[in-house]
Amino acid sequence: MYEIGVSTRFEAAHRLHGDFGPATRVHGHSYRLDAIVRGPRLRSDGTLLDITIVQGALAAIVADLHYRDLDEVPDLAGINTTAEEVAAYCWRRIAAALQVHPEATHLSVRIWENSDVYGGYSSDL
């Protein structure tokens, strides 16, 4: 299986709902978003996928989330904005950009809240 990866960063605030101690108060993170695209074979040019497609999808996500309160983002309304849920939201957006690229068969997304902690979502496309 071949893979390509793209990372980007954004700043955002949120609060968790439930039994999360001080994380139930509004707080911020310097998030890192990783997208890993996998597929079983390369195209004739030796690439799995034009990496700018993934970069563009991530840039669109960052444009919507950077310096925002995640709890106020319409597509995240009513969702507990854990790293796992934000990863699933990002997965759906990136997957939509990959739908016309059959060489991409699997997508993994990780949302890092700091250098030691991430939540992720991974599924076949």
Protein backbone atom coordinates (compact mmCIF):
# COMPACT_ATOMS: atom_id res chain seq x y z
CA MET A 1 0.00 0.00 0.00
CA TYR A 2 1.37 3.41 -0.97
CA GLU A 3 0.69 6.53 1.04
CA ILE A 4 1.12 10.26 1.00
CA GLY A 5 0.74 12.61 3.93
CA VAL A 6 0.06 16.30 4.37
CA SER A 7 0.11 18.27 7.61
CA THR A 8 -1.02 21.75 8.51
CA ARG A 9 -1.72 23.75 11.65
CA PHE A 10 -4.42 26.00 13.00
CA GLU A 11 -5.33 27.76 16.23
CA ALA A 12 -8.78 27.27 17.71
CA ALA A 13 -10.72 27.29 20.96
CA HIS A 14 -13.37 24.91 22.27
CA ARG A 15 -14.81 23.43 25.42
CA LEU A 16 -15.69 19.86 26.17
CA HIS A 17 -19.07 18.80 27.50
CA GLY A 18 -19.19 16.08 30.11
CA ASP A 19 -16.81 14.85 32.78
CA PHE A 20 -13.60 16.46 31.46
CA GLY A 21 -12.54 18.54 34.48
CA PRO A 22 -10.97 21.87 33.55
CA ALA A 23 -11.37 21.12 29.82
CA THR A 24 -15.06 21.98 30.23
CA ARG A 25 -13.97 25.63 30.33
CA VAL A 26 -13.18 27.41 27.08
CA HIS A 27 -9.55 26.80 26.19
CA GLY A 28 -7.41 26.79 23.06
CA HIS A 29 -5.04 24.54 21.18
CA SER A 30 -2.40 24.91 18.53
CA TYR A 31 -3.84 22.06 16.49
CA ARG A 32 -1.97 20.01 13.92
CA LEU A 33 -4.02 18.29 11.24
CA ASP A 34 -2.52 15.27 9.46
CA ALA A 35 -4.11 13.62 6.44
CA ILE A 36 -2.72 10.30 5.20
CA VAL A 37 -4.06 8.98 1.90
CA ARG A 38 -3.41 5.35 0.91
CA GLY A 39 -3.89 3.34 -2.23
CA PRO A 40 -2.68 0.01 -3.68
CA ARG A 41 -1.04 1.30 -6.86
CA LEU A 42 0.64 4.33 -8.35
CA ARG A 43 -0.47 6.26 -11.39
CA SER A 44 1.63 6.18 -14.56
CA ASP A 45 3.55 9.26 -13.37
CA GLY A 46 4.80 7.39 -10.27
CA THR A 47 2.53 9.17 -7.79
CA LEU A 48 -0.43 7.94 -5.78
CA LEU A 49 -2.23 11.26 -6.13
CA ASP A 50 -1.42 14.87 -6.91
CA ILE A 51 -0.52 16.08 -3.42
CA THR A 52 -1.94 19.55 -4.13
CA ILE A 53 -5.44 18.02 -3.98
CA VAL A 54 -4.90 17.09 -0.34
CA GLN A 55 -3.17 20.40 0.38
CA GLY A 56 -6.17 22.26 -1.06
CA ALA A 57 -8.63 20.27 1.05
CA LEU A 58 -6.63 21.02 4.20
CA ALA A 59 -6.33 24.71 3.30
CA ALA A 60 -10.12 24.92 2.99
CA ILE A 61 -10.57 23.33 6.43
CA VAL A 62 -8.02 25.66 8.01
CA ALA A 63 -9.76 28.67 6.41
CA ASP A 64 -12.95 27.64 8.26
CA LEU A 65 -11.39 26.72 11.62
CA HIS A 66 -8.38 29.00 12.18
CA TYR A 67 -8.87 31.38 15.11
CA ARG A 68 -12.42 30.15 15.65
CA ASP A 69 -14.33 28.73 18.57
CA LEU A 70 -15.04 25.22 17.26
CA ASP A 71 -18.34 25.17 19.14
CA GLU A 72 -19.50 28.05 16.89
CA VAL A 73 -18.61 26.40 13.56
CA PRO A 74 -21.95 25.48 11.93
CA ASP A 75 -20.91 21.97 10.85
CA LEU A 76 -19.71 21.20 14.40
CA ALA A 77 -22.77 22.64 16.16
CA GLY A 78 -24.15 20.26 18.77
CA ILE A 79 -21.08 18.01 18.61
CA ASN A 80 -18.73 17.57 21.57
CA THR A 81 -15.57 18.88 19.86
CA THR A 82 -13.19 16.20 21.08
CA ALA A 83 -10.12 15.55 18.95
CA GLU A 84 -11.83 12.40 17.65
CA GLU A 85 -14.96 14.28 16.54
CA VAL A 86 -12.94 17.06 14.91
CA ALA A 87 -10.89 14.39 13.11
CA ALA A 88 -14.10 12.79 11.78
CA TYR A 89 -15.35 16.21 10.60
CA CYS A 90 -12.05 16.80 8.78
CA TRP A 91 -12.14 13.26 7.35
CA ARG A 92 -15.55 13.91 5.78
CA ARG A 93 -14.35 17.14 4.19
CA ILE A 94 -11.12 15.64 2.83
CA ALA A 95 -12.93 12.50 1.63
CA ALA A 96 -15.31 14.67 -0.39
CA ALA A 97 -12.32 16.20 -2.20
CA LEU A 98 -10.97 12.71 -2.99
CA GLN A 99 -14.18 11.19 -4.36
CA VAL A 100 -13.17 11.73 -8.01
CA HIS A 101 -9.78 10.10 -7.45
CA PRO A 102 -10.25 6.31 -7.45
CA GLU A 103 -6.54 5.71 -6.82
CA ALA A 104 -7.12 6.90 -3.24
CA THR A 105 -8.76 4.04 -1.34
CA HIS A 106 -8.18 4.89 2.33
CA LEU A 107 -7.93 8.08 4.38
CA SER A 108 -6.65 8.58 7.93
CA VAL A 109 -6.92 11.91 9.75
CA ARG A 110 -5.26 12.88 13.01
CA ILE A 111 -5.94 16.00 15.06
CA TRP A 112 -3.09 16.76 17.43
CA GLU A 113 -4.03 18.93 20.43
CA ASN A 114 -0.37 19.15 21.42
CA SER A 115 2.86 17.35 20.52
CA ASP A 116 1.90 14.28 22.61
CA VAL A 117 -1.84 13.82 22.14
CA TYR A 118 -4.03 13.20 19.12
CA GLY A 119 -7.40 11.79 18.18
CA GLY A 120 -8.04 10.28 14.80
CA TYR A 121 -10.48 8.85 12.32
CA SER A 122 -9.65 6.36 9.56
CA SER A 123 -11.79 4.61 6.97
CA ASP A 124 -11.87 3.33 3.43
CA LEU A 125 -13.04 5.83 0.84
